[in-house]
Amino acid sequence: MAVKAAVLLESDYEDLEYWYPYLRLIEAGIKPETVAPKKETYKSKHGYPATADVTAAAAAKKSYGLVVIPGGWAPDRMRRDDDMVRVVRKAARAGKVVAAVCHGGSMLVSAGCARGVRLTSVRAIRDDLVAAGARWQDRPVMRDGNFITAQGPGDLPEFMRAILSALRA
C-alpha cells in the first residue's frame, strides 16, 4: 500500500495503542511516521520509549492518508499543541482516514471534527464527545465514513482490520 501514515505520540501514551498500530502498519507494507510536538523520545504510561520521526509543525505541512491517535494520557497533552491538532484537522477535512482509540477521541474534539459523527471511545471521554456533537456509540469499534474509533486495547485487532480495510477501499 502506498499510503502515507502518521501515528501521533506524546508522553504517557498507552503502550499497546501506539505500538500495535505502528507495527501492524509496517506488516501491511506502510512505513508510518511518528509525529510529536518535538523530535525527541517520549515515554509511555509504563516507561517504554518511542521516538518521534517528525515534529508536528513539519507534519502539519504534509498530507497523510491515515492519522492514528493512540490513547492513554497522551491525547490530553497532544491537544494542547496547535500543530498536533492541525495534523488531525487537515486529514479529517481532506476525507483521509482518522483513527482514534481510547482517549484519542479527545483530539477529534479539539480538531473540531466530532460533530455529527458516530464515534466510540473509552467511557471517560464519552461526555466530551457528546458535548462536541458526536453521536457516541457503546461499541468496541465504530467506523463512520473516514473516522474509525475504538474503546481500548482489547479492541486493537478489530480496530486495525477496520483501518486496513478503509485504506484498501
N, C-alpha and C. Protein backbone atom coordinates (compact mmCIF):
# COMPACT_ATOMS: atom_id res chain seq x y z
N MET A 1 0.84 -1.19 0.00
CA MET A 1 0.00 0.00 0.00
C MET A 1 0.88 1.24 0.00
N ALA A 2 0.58 2.15 -0.85
CA ALA A 2 1.35 3.39 -0.92
C ALA A 2 0.60 4.50 -0.19
N VAL A 3 0.44 4.32 1.10
CA VAL A 3 -0.26 5.30 1.92
C VAL A 3 0.74 5.95 2.86
N LYS A 4 0.63 7.25 2.98
CA LYS A 4 1.47 7.97 3.94
C LYS A 4 0.70 8.02 5.25
N ALA A 5 1.29 7.46 6.30
CA ALA A 5 0.60 7.35 7.59
C ALA A 5 1.36 8.06 8.70
N ALA A 6 0.61 8.66 9.60
CA ALA A 6 1.17 9.29 10.80
C ALA A 6 0.58 8.61 12.02
N VAL A 7 1.43 8.31 12.98
CA VAL A 7 0.99 7.83 14.28
C VAL A 7 1.43 8.89 15.27
N LEU A 8 0.46 9.47 15.97
CA LEU A 8 0.77 10.57 16.89
C LEU A 8 1.35 10.05 18.20
N LEU A 9 2.19 10.89 18.81
CA LEU A 9 2.92 10.48 20.02
C LEU A 9 3.05 11.65 20.98
N GLU A 10 2.91 11.36 22.25
CA GLU A 10 3.18 12.30 23.34
C GLU A 10 3.48 11.47 24.57
N SER A 11 3.96 12.12 25.60
CA SER A 11 4.26 11.43 26.86
C SER A 11 3.02 10.77 27.43
N ASP A 12 3.23 9.67 28.11
CA ASP A 12 2.17 8.92 28.79
C ASP A 12 1.18 8.27 27.82
N TYR A 13 1.67 7.92 26.61
CA TYR A 13 0.83 7.18 25.67
C TYR A 13 0.59 5.77 26.21
N GLU A 14 -0.51 5.18 25.82
CA GLU A 14 -0.81 3.79 26.18
C GLU A 14 0.02 2.90 25.26
N ASP A 15 0.88 2.10 25.84
CA ASP A 15 1.85 1.29 25.09
C ASP A 15 1.24 0.55 23.90
N LEU A 16 0.26 -0.29 24.16
CA LEU A 16 -0.32 -1.10 23.09
C LEU A 16 -1.00 -0.26 22.03
N GLU A 17 -1.60 0.85 22.42
CA GLU A 17 -2.36 1.66 21.48
C GLU A 17 -1.46 2.45 20.52
N TYR A 18 -0.19 2.57 20.86
CA TYR A 18 0.79 3.14 19.92
C TYR A 18 1.47 2.01 19.14
N TRP A 19 2.05 1.05 19.86
CA TRP A 19 2.90 0.04 19.23
C TRP A 19 2.13 -0.94 18.34
N TYR A 20 0.95 -1.36 18.75
CA TYR A 20 0.20 -2.33 17.94
C TYR A 20 -0.12 -1.74 16.57
N PRO A 21 -0.76 -0.56 16.47
CA PRO A 21 -1.00 0.01 15.13
C PRO A 21 0.29 0.28 14.35
N TYR A 22 1.29 0.80 15.03
CA TYR A 22 2.56 1.12 14.37
C TYR A 22 3.15 -0.13 13.70
N LEU A 23 3.22 -1.22 14.45
CA LEU A 23 3.81 -2.46 13.92
C LEU A 23 2.92 -3.13 12.88
N ARG A 24 1.60 -3.10 13.08
CA ARG A 24 0.69 -3.68 12.09
C ARG A 24 0.76 -2.92 10.77
N LEU A 25 0.94 -1.61 10.82
CA LEU A 25 1.09 -0.84 9.58
C LEU A 25 2.35 -1.27 8.85
N ILE A 26 3.43 -1.46 9.57
CA ILE A 26 4.68 -1.93 8.94
C ILE A 26 4.45 -3.30 8.30
N GLU A 27 3.76 -4.20 9.00
CA GLU A 27 3.45 -5.52 8.44
C GLU A 27 2.64 -5.41 7.16
N ALA A 28 1.81 -4.37 7.05
CA ALA A 28 0.98 -4.17 5.87
C ALA A 28 1.72 -3.45 4.75
N GLY A 29 3.01 -3.17 4.97
CA GLY A 29 3.81 -2.52 3.94
C GLY A 29 3.78 -1.01 3.99
N ILE A 30 3.32 -0.45 5.09
CA ILE A 30 3.25 1.00 5.27
C ILE A 30 4.27 1.40 6.33
N LYS A 31 5.14 2.34 6.02
CA LYS A 31 6.12 2.83 7.00
C LYS A 31 5.56 4.10 7.63
N PRO A 32 4.97 3.98 8.83
CA PRO A 32 4.38 5.17 9.44
C PRO A 32 5.44 6.14 9.96
N GLU A 33 5.08 7.42 9.94
CA GLU A 33 5.90 8.43 10.59
C GLU A 33 5.32 8.68 11.98
N THR A 34 6.19 8.73 12.96
CA THR A 34 5.74 9.08 14.30
C THR A 34 5.84 10.59 14.44
N VAL A 35 4.71 11.21 14.77
CA VAL A 35 4.59 12.66 14.84
C VAL A 35 4.39 13.09 16.28
N ALA A 36 5.18 14.05 16.73
CA ALA A 36 5.09 14.55 18.11
C ALA A 36 5.43 16.04 18.12
N PRO A 37 5.13 16.73 19.20
CA PRO A 37 5.45 18.15 19.26
C PRO A 37 6.93 18.45 19.00
N LYS A 38 7.81 17.61 19.53
CA LYS A 38 9.25 17.78 19.32
C LYS A 38 9.84 16.46 18.84
N LYS A 39 10.93 16.54 18.13
CA LYS A 39 11.61 15.34 17.64
C LYS A 39 12.51 14.83 18.76
N GLU A 40 11.87 14.09 19.68
CA GLU A 40 12.58 13.55 20.83
C GLU A 40 11.95 12.23 21.23
N THR A 41 12.44 11.64 22.30
CA THR A 41 11.92 10.37 22.79
C THR A 41 10.90 10.64 23.90
N TYR A 42 9.78 9.94 23.81
CA TYR A 42 8.67 10.07 24.77
C TYR A 42 8.47 8.73 25.46
N LYS A 43 8.12 8.77 26.73
CA LYS A 43 7.88 7.53 27.48
C LYS A 43 6.39 7.28 27.61
N SER A 44 6.06 5.99 27.56
CA SER A 44 4.67 5.56 27.70
C SER A 44 4.25 5.61 29.17
N LYS A 45 3.00 5.26 29.42
CA LYS A 45 2.50 5.17 30.79
C LYS A 45 3.32 4.18 31.61
N HIS A 46 3.89 3.20 30.93
CA HIS A 46 4.66 2.16 31.61
C HIS A 46 6.16 2.32 31.41
N GLY A 47 6.58 3.47 30.90
CA GLY A 47 8.00 3.78 30.78
C GLY A 47 8.69 3.33 29.50
N TYR A 48 7.93 2.78 28.54
CA TYR A 48 8.54 2.30 27.30
C TYR A 48 8.76 3.48 26.36
N PRO A 49 9.97 3.62 25.80
CA PRO A 49 10.26 4.78 24.96
C PRO A 49 9.85 4.60 23.49
N ALA A 50 9.47 5.72 22.89
CA ALA A 50 9.23 5.80 21.44
C ALA A 50 9.76 7.16 21.00
N THR A 51 10.36 7.19 19.82
CA THR A 51 11.00 8.42 19.33
C THR A 51 10.26 8.97 18.12
N ALA A 52 10.05 10.26 18.14
CA ALA A 52 9.37 10.94 17.03
C ALA A 52 10.28 11.00 15.81
N ASP A 53 9.69 10.79 14.64
CA ASP A 53 10.40 10.92 13.37
C ASP A 53 10.35 12.35 12.86
N VAL A 54 9.24 13.04 13.15
CA VAL A 54 8.99 14.36 12.60
C VAL A 54 8.22 15.20 13.62
N THR A 55 8.49 16.50 13.63
CA THR A 55 7.75 17.39 14.53
C THR A 55 6.35 17.62 13.97
N ALA A 56 5.44 17.97 14.86
CA ALA A 56 4.08 18.27 14.44
C ALA A 56 4.06 19.47 13.50
N ALA A 57 4.93 20.44 13.73
CA ALA A 57 4.98 21.63 12.85
C ALA A 57 5.32 21.21 11.42
N ALA A 58 6.28 20.30 11.26
CA ALA A 58 6.64 19.82 9.92
C ALA A 58 5.53 18.94 9.36
N ALA A 59 4.94 18.09 10.20
CA ALA A 59 3.88 17.18 9.75
C ALA A 59 2.64 17.95 9.31
N ALA A 60 2.37 19.08 9.93
CA ALA A 60 1.18 19.87 9.59
C ALA A 60 1.25 20.40 8.16
N LYS A 61 2.43 20.42 7.58
CA LYS A 61 2.61 20.88 6.20
C LYS A 61 2.51 19.73 5.19
N LYS A 62 2.44 18.49 5.70
CA LYS A 62 2.36 17.31 4.85
C LYS A 62 0.92 16.85 4.71
N SER A 63 0.72 15.90 3.81
CA SER A 63 -0.59 15.26 3.65
C SER A 63 -0.45 13.79 3.98
N TYR A 64 -1.30 13.31 4.87
CA TYR A 64 -1.30 11.90 5.27
C TYR A 64 -2.61 11.26 4.84
N GLY A 65 -2.53 10.02 4.40
CA GLY A 65 -3.74 9.26 4.07
C GLY A 65 -4.35 8.60 5.28
N LEU A 66 -3.58 8.56 6.38
CA LEU A 66 -4.02 7.96 7.63
C LEU A 66 -3.36 8.68 8.79
N VAL A 67 -4.15 9.01 9.80
CA VAL A 67 -3.62 9.53 11.07
C VAL A 67 -4.19 8.65 12.17
N VAL A 68 -3.30 8.08 12.98
CA VAL A 68 -3.69 7.24 14.11
C VAL A 68 -3.40 7.99 15.40
N ILE A 69 -4.41 8.05 16.28
CA ILE A 69 -4.28 8.74 17.56
C ILE A 69 -4.40 7.72 18.68
N PRO A 70 -3.27 7.33 19.29
CA PRO A 70 -3.32 6.41 20.42
C PRO A 70 -3.89 7.10 21.66
N GLY A 71 -4.28 6.28 22.62
CA GLY A 71 -4.83 6.82 23.85
C GLY A 71 -3.82 6.89 24.99
N GLY A 72 -4.29 6.58 26.15
CA GLY A 72 -3.52 6.83 27.37
C GLY A 72 -3.78 8.26 27.78
N TRP A 73 -2.82 8.84 28.44
CA TRP A 73 -2.97 10.25 28.84
C TRP A 73 -2.36 11.17 27.79
N ALA A 74 -1.75 10.62 26.77
CA ALA A 74 -1.09 11.41 25.73
C ALA A 74 -2.03 12.37 25.00
N PRO A 75 -3.26 11.97 24.64
CA PRO A 75 -4.11 12.90 23.90
C PRO A 75 -4.38 14.21 24.66
N ASP A 76 -4.42 14.14 25.98
CA ASP A 76 -4.62 15.38 26.74
C ASP A 76 -3.44 16.31 26.56
N ARG A 77 -2.26 15.77 26.37
CA ARG A 77 -1.07 16.58 26.09
C ARG A 77 -1.05 17.02 24.63
N MET A 78 -1.40 16.10 23.72
CA MET A 78 -1.40 16.40 22.29
C MET A 78 -2.30 17.58 21.96
N ARG A 79 -3.47 17.61 22.57
CA ARG A 79 -4.47 18.62 22.20
C ARG A 79 -4.06 20.02 22.63
N ARG A 80 -3.01 20.14 23.41
CA ARG A 80 -2.50 21.45 23.82
C ARG A 80 -1.53 22.02 22.81
N ASP A 81 -1.17 21.23 21.81
CA ASP A 81 -0.22 21.64 20.78
C ASP A 81 -0.98 21.92 19.49
N ASP A 82 -1.00 23.17 19.07
CA ASP A 82 -1.78 23.56 17.89
C ASP A 82 -1.40 22.79 16.63
N ASP A 83 -0.13 22.48 16.46
CA ASP A 83 0.30 21.74 15.27
C ASP A 83 -0.18 20.29 15.31
N MET A 84 -0.21 19.68 16.48
CA MET A 84 -0.75 18.32 16.59
C MET A 84 -2.22 18.31 16.19
N VAL A 85 -2.96 19.28 16.68
CA VAL A 85 -4.38 19.40 16.34
C VAL A 85 -4.53 19.67 14.84
N ARG A 86 -3.67 20.49 14.28
CA ARG A 86 -3.71 20.82 12.86
C ARG A 86 -3.54 19.57 11.99
N VAL A 87 -2.66 18.66 12.38
CA VAL A 87 -2.45 17.41 11.62
C VAL A 87 -3.76 16.63 11.53
N VAL A 88 -4.45 16.52 12.65
CA VAL A 88 -5.72 15.78 12.69
C VAL A 88 -6.79 16.50 11.87
N ARG A 89 -6.94 17.80 12.08
CA ARG A 89 -7.95 18.58 11.38
C ARG A 89 -7.75 18.51 9.86
N LYS A 90 -6.51 18.65 9.42
CA LYS A 90 -6.21 18.64 7.99
C LYS A 90 -6.60 17.30 7.35
N ALA A 91 -6.24 16.20 8.01
CA ALA A 91 -6.58 14.87 7.48
C ALA A 91 -8.10 14.67 7.46
N ALA A 92 -8.75 15.07 8.53
CA ALA A 92 -10.21 14.90 8.62
C ALA A 92 -10.92 15.70 7.53
N ARG A 93 -10.53 16.94 7.36
CA ARG A 93 -11.17 17.80 6.35
C ARG A 93 -10.91 17.32 4.93
N ALA A 94 -9.79 16.64 4.72
CA ALA A 94 -9.46 16.12 3.39
C ALA A 94 -10.11 14.75 3.14
N GLY A 95 -10.85 14.24 4.13
CA GLY A 95 -11.52 12.95 3.96
C GLY A 95 -10.59 11.76 4.10
N LYS A 96 -9.44 11.97 4.70
CA LYS A 96 -8.48 10.88 4.92
C LYS A 96 -8.91 10.08 6.15
N VAL A 97 -8.36 8.89 6.31
CA VAL A 97 -8.71 8.05 7.44
C VAL A 97 -8.10 8.62 8.72
N VAL A 98 -8.96 8.87 9.69
CA VAL A 98 -8.53 9.35 11.01
C VAL A 98 -9.02 8.32 12.01
N ALA A 99 -8.08 7.71 12.72
CA ALA A 99 -8.40 6.62 13.63
C ALA A 99 -7.93 6.95 15.04
N ALA A 100 -8.85 6.81 16.01
CA ALA A 100 -8.53 7.15 17.39
C ALA A 100 -8.99 6.02 18.30
N VAL A 101 -8.18 5.72 19.28
CA VAL A 101 -8.52 4.67 20.24
C VAL A 101 -8.48 5.24 21.65
N CYS A 102 -9.39 4.76 22.48
CA CYS A 102 -9.43 5.08 23.91
C CYS A 102 -9.67 6.59 24.11
N HIS A 103 -8.72 7.29 24.72
CA HIS A 103 -8.81 8.73 24.95
C HIS A 103 -8.45 9.54 23.70
N GLY A 104 -8.03 8.87 22.63
CA GLY A 104 -7.63 9.56 21.40
C GLY A 104 -8.73 10.40 20.80
N GLY A 105 -9.98 10.05 21.08
CA GLY A 105 -11.11 10.82 20.57
C GLY A 105 -11.12 12.27 21.03
N SER A 106 -10.44 12.56 22.12
CA SER A 106 -10.40 13.95 22.58
C SER A 106 -9.70 14.84 21.56
N MET A 107 -8.82 14.27 20.76
CA MET A 107 -8.19 15.05 19.68
C MET A 107 -9.20 15.40 18.59
N LEU A 108 -10.20 14.55 18.38
CA LEU A 108 -11.25 14.85 17.41
C LEU A 108 -12.08 16.04 17.88
N VAL A 109 -12.27 16.13 19.19
CA VAL A 109 -12.98 17.27 19.76
C VAL A 109 -12.17 18.54 19.52
N SER A 110 -10.89 18.51 19.88
CA SER A 110 -10.04 19.70 19.72
C SER A 110 -9.88 20.11 18.26
N ALA A 111 -9.91 19.13 17.35
CA ALA A 111 -9.77 19.42 15.92
C ALA A 111 -11.09 19.89 15.31
N GLY A 112 -12.16 19.87 16.09
CA GLY A 112 -13.45 20.34 15.60
C GLY A 112 -14.09 19.45 14.57
N CYS A 113 -13.82 18.15 14.66
CA CYS A 113 -14.37 17.26 13.62
C CYS A 113 -15.23 16.12 14.19
N ALA A 114 -15.74 16.28 15.41
CA ALA A 114 -16.56 15.23 16.01
C ALA A 114 -18.06 15.41 15.73
N ARG A 115 -18.47 16.62 15.43
CA ARG A 115 -19.90 16.93 15.28
C ARG A 115 -20.57 16.06 14.23
N GLY A 116 -21.65 15.37 14.65
CA GLY A 116 -22.45 14.56 13.74
C GLY A 116 -21.87 13.20 13.39
N VAL A 117 -20.69 12.89 13.89
CA VAL A 117 -20.02 11.63 13.56
C VAL A 117 -20.31 10.59 14.63
N ARG A 118 -20.59 9.36 14.20
CA ARG A 118 -20.76 8.26 15.15
C ARG A 118 -19.37 7.80 15.59
N LEU A 119 -19.10 7.95 16.89
CA LEU A 119 -17.79 7.62 17.44
C LEU A 119 -17.95 6.77 18.68
N THR A 120 -16.91 6.02 18.99
CA THR A 120 -16.83 5.32 20.27
C THR A 120 -15.52 5.73 20.93
N SER A 121 -15.38 5.39 22.19
CA SER A 121 -14.19 5.77 22.95
C SER A 121 -14.23 5.08 24.30
N VAL A 122 -13.21 5.30 25.08
CA VAL A 122 -13.26 4.91 26.47
C VAL A 122 -14.38 5.75 27.10
N ARG A 123 -15.09 5.18 28.02
CA ARG A 123 -16.25 5.85 28.62
C ARG A 123 -15.90 7.20 29.26
N ALA A 124 -14.66 7.35 29.71
CA ALA A 124 -14.24 8.57 30.41
C ALA A 124 -14.38 9.83 29.56
N ILE A 125 -14.35 9.71 28.22
CA ILE A 125 -14.48 10.91 27.39
C ILE A 125 -15.80 10.94 26.61
N ARG A 126 -16.68 10.01 26.93
CA ARG A 126 -17.99 9.97 26.26
C ARG A 126 -18.69 11.33 26.33
N ASP A 127 -18.78 11.91 27.52
CA ASP A 127 -19.49 13.17 27.68
C ASP A 127 -18.85 14.29 26.87
N ASP A 128 -17.52 14.29 26.77
CA ASP A 128 -16.81 15.30 25.97
C ASP A 128 -17.17 15.16 24.49
N LEU A 129 -17.21 13.93 24.00
CA LEU A 129 -17.55 13.70 22.60
C LEU A 129 -19.00 14.11 22.32
N VAL A 130 -19.90 13.74 23.23
CA VAL A 130 -21.31 14.10 23.06
C VAL A 130 -21.48 15.62 23.09
N ALA A 131 -20.79 16.28 24.02
CA ALA A 131 -20.88 17.74 24.12
C ALA A 131 -20.34 18.41 22.85
N ALA A 132 -19.43 17.75 22.16
CA ALA A 132 -18.87 18.28 20.91
C ALA A 132 -19.74 17.92 19.70
N GLY A 133 -20.86 17.24 19.96
CA GLY A 133 -21.79 16.93 18.88
C GLY A 133 -21.66 15.54 18.27
N ALA A 134 -20.76 14.72 18.81
CA ALA A 134 -20.62 13.35 18.29
C ALA A 134 -21.83 12.51 18.69
N ARG A 135 -22.10 11.49 17.92
CA ARG A 135 -23.15 10.52 18.25
C ARG A 135 -22.43 9.30 18.81
N TRP A 136 -22.18 9.32 20.12
CA TRP A 136 -21.38 8.29 20.79
C TRP A 136 -22.09 6.94 20.75
N GLN A 137 -21.33 5.89 20.47
CA GLN A 137 -21.85 4.52 20.40
C GLN A 137 -21.08 3.64 21.39
N ASP A 138 -21.78 2.82 22.13
CA ASP A 138 -21.14 1.89 23.06
C ASP A 138 -20.82 0.60 22.30
N ARG A 139 -19.79 0.69 21.46
CA ARG A 139 -19.36 -0.44 20.64
C ARG A 139 -17.84 -0.52 20.71
N PRO A 140 -17.26 -1.70 20.59
CA PRO A 140 -15.79 -1.84 20.64
C PRO A 140 -15.09 -1.02 19.56
N VAL A 141 -15.62 -1.07 18.33
CA VAL A 141 -15.04 -0.34 17.21
C VAL A 141 -16.18 0.27 16.41
N MET A 142 -15.98 1.49 15.96
CA MET A 142 -17.00 2.20 15.18
C MET A 142 -16.34 2.82 13.96
N ARG A 143 -16.96 2.62 12.80
CA ARG A 143 -16.49 3.31 11.60
C ARG A 143 -17.64 4.15 11.05
N ASP A 144 -17.37 5.42 10.85
CA ASP A 144 -18.35 6.33 10.25
C ASP A 144 -17.59 7.15 9.22
N GLY A 145 -17.77 6.82 7.95
CA GLY A 145 -17.04 7.50 6.88
C GLY A 145 -15.55 7.28 7.03
N ASN A 146 -14.79 8.38 7.12
CA ASN A 146 -13.34 8.26 7.24
C ASN A 146 -12.87 8.17 8.70
N PHE A 147 -13.80 8.15 9.65
CA PHE A 147 -13.42 8.06 11.07
C PHE A 147 -13.57 6.64 11.59
N ILE A 148 -12.51 6.15 12.24
CA ILE A 148 -12.53 4.83 12.86
C ILE A 148 -12.10 5.02 14.31
N THR A 149 -12.95 4.55 15.23
CA THR A 149 -12.63 4.71 16.65
C THR A 149 -12.80 3.38 17.38
N ALA A 150 -12.07 3.25 18.49
CA ALA A 150 -12.14 2.04 19.30
C ALA A 150 -12.11 2.42 20.77
N GLN A 151 -12.64 1.53 21.61
CA GLN A 151 -12.74 1.83 23.03
C GLN A 151 -11.45 1.62 23.80
N GLY A 152 -10.66 0.61 23.47
CA GLY A 152 -9.46 0.37 24.26
C GLY A 152 -8.56 -0.71 23.69
N PRO A 153 -7.50 -1.07 24.42
CA PRO A 153 -6.50 -2.01 23.93
C PRO A 153 -7.06 -3.36 23.47
N GLY A 154 -8.09 -3.86 24.13
CA GLY A 154 -8.67 -5.14 23.75
C GLY A 154 -9.32 -5.13 22.38
N ASP A 155 -9.58 -3.94 21.86
CA ASP A 155 -10.25 -3.80 20.57
C ASP A 155 -9.27 -3.57 19.41
N LEU A 156 -7.98 -3.59 19.69
CA LEU A 156 -6.98 -3.26 18.67
C LEU A 156 -7.00 -4.17 17.44
N PRO A 157 -7.19 -5.49 17.57
CA PRO A 157 -7.24 -6.30 16.34
C PRO A 157 -8.37 -5.87 15.40
N GLU A 158 -9.57 -5.65 15.94
CA GLU A 158 -10.70 -5.22 15.11
C GLU A 158 -10.47 -3.80 14.58
N PHE A 159 -9.89 -2.94 15.40
CA PHE A 159 -9.55 -1.56 15.03
C PHE A 159 -8.63 -1.56 13.81
N MET A 160 -7.58 -2.38 13.86
CA MET A 160 -6.63 -2.42 12.75
C MET A 160 -7.23 -3.07 11.51
N ARG A 161 -8.09 -4.05 11.67
CA ARG A 161 -8.78 -4.62 10.49
C ARG A 161 -9.60 -3.54 9.81
N ALA A 162 -10.29 -2.71 10.61
CA ALA A 162 -11.11 -1.63 10.04
C ALA A 162 -10.23 -0.60 9.33
N ILE A 163 -9.10 -0.26 9.92
CA ILE A 163 -8.18 0.71 9.31
C ILE A 163 -7.65 0.18 7.98
N LEU A 164 -7.14 -1.03 7.99
CA LEU A 164 -6.56 -1.59 6.77
C LEU A 164 -7.62 -1.77 5.69
N SER A 165 -8.83 -2.11 6.08
CA SER A 165 -9.93 -2.23 5.11
C SER A 165 -10.25 -0.87 4.51
N ALA A 166 -10.28 0.18 5.33
CA ALA A 166 -10.57 1.53 4.84
C ALA A 166 -9.47 2.00 3.88
N LEU A 167 -8.24 1.64 4.15
CA LEU A 167 -7.15 2.06 3.28
C LEU A 167 -7.18 1.35 1.93
N ARG A 168 -7.71 0.14 1.90
CA ARG A 168 -7.82 -0.61 0.65
C ARG A 168 -8.98 -0.13 -0.21
N ALA A 169 -9.96 0.53 0.42
CA ALA A 169 -11.19 0.96 -0.30
C ALA A 169 -10.90 2.12 -1.26
